[in-house]
Amino acid sequence: MDKEKLRRYLNGLSPKKEEIEVGKWLENNNSEKEINKIFEASWKESAHTIYSDNIKNDLWSKIEQKTGNKSEITIDRNRYPLLKSAAVWLILAGFLFLSAKVILENSSKTQEEVVLTEWIEKSVPSGEKLYLILPDESKVLVNSNSNIKFPSTFNKQFREVYLEGEAFFEVHQDLESPFIVFAGELTTEVLGTSFNISNKPTGTKVALIEGKVKVKNATNEAFLLPGEMVEHGINNSEKLTVKPFKNASEIAWKDGQIKFQKKKLKAVLQQLEDWYGVKFDTDKNINIDRTVSGTFQNDNLDNLLSGLGFTLNFNHKIENKNVRLNSN
């Protein structure tokens, strides 16, 4: 089992398809052995920080108080010293069924403390956009019908963000702390750059504007240069397909533009539903498979549909959040 999938599952951040996959795997008799191997490998990769038995026992007591000691997986606390690696603590927290990541912060104090990271989650409804400044001063513009989740404070090892939907990132450079975005089955890792991620049921796309990023899934990885994008899950493909793109086609939305390039009317209407927060009811005589091309700048829905209707031979009627399209 891929460690990233397991980590997302343990923290309640898996997409539905992946959650089912990991859940079935955990029911397998061999899963416990593999989990132990992952924990063993993570322990060996850590700094092997040694703490006194008193501190170790005190920390374990705090963890057990938080979890109610409900873990069905036995971990020999004397065999594994308490670790300072955030990634390792995340796995350990999952074993103990914590809903949040557990991090052990190194300090000059004689007494170490277990800290539960507070996560912030924002949902952006249809027809709206949200501008955020993250704890590291990175900037994010979240598109409509999207969800984003991030910790109130990033730790020193890495900066994690979880995305469902679409967002444009301008990442504050930190050479010692990679910025990682989990979107669907893809993980995008950067140090400082700007890029767009679209994670939707039809597939996931990462488009790089500046800098350099690494994108990976469970089996493959790809490195992107400015002007390149990677696609995954398009037409149910598991491959990472890298290809060039035009900036306007992928990031027009952040500048208030709606841009269609040989897109089927059905897909255009779905995009307009997200953009304006409406629902379309379409006459069966309208050909929704006909392709559409065009660019609209900060236009209201009535004007936009008047333009489309003139070209595609339909009229429209807007009533509150419902829009009816009828053929002429």
Foldseek 3Di string as FASTA:
>chain_A
DFLVLVLCLLQVNADPVSVVVVVVVVVDPCVLVVLVVVLVVVLVPFPQDAADPVLLVVAVVVLCVQLVVPAPRDDDSVVGHDTQDQSSQSSVSSSSSDNFGWHWDDDPDNHTDIDGWAKDKDAAAFQDWDWDQAQVRKIKIGAFRKMKMFTNHADQQEGEMEIAAKMKIFDDADPRYWYWYHAHQKIKTDRGAIWMWGHYPQWIKIAGAADKIWMDGRPDIDIDHHQKMWIACHVHHHDTDIDGDDPCVGCVVVQQKDWFDFAFQLVVQVVVCRNRVAEEDEDPPQRRRGTDGDMDHNDDPQVVVVVVCVVRAWHWDDDPRYIYIGHD
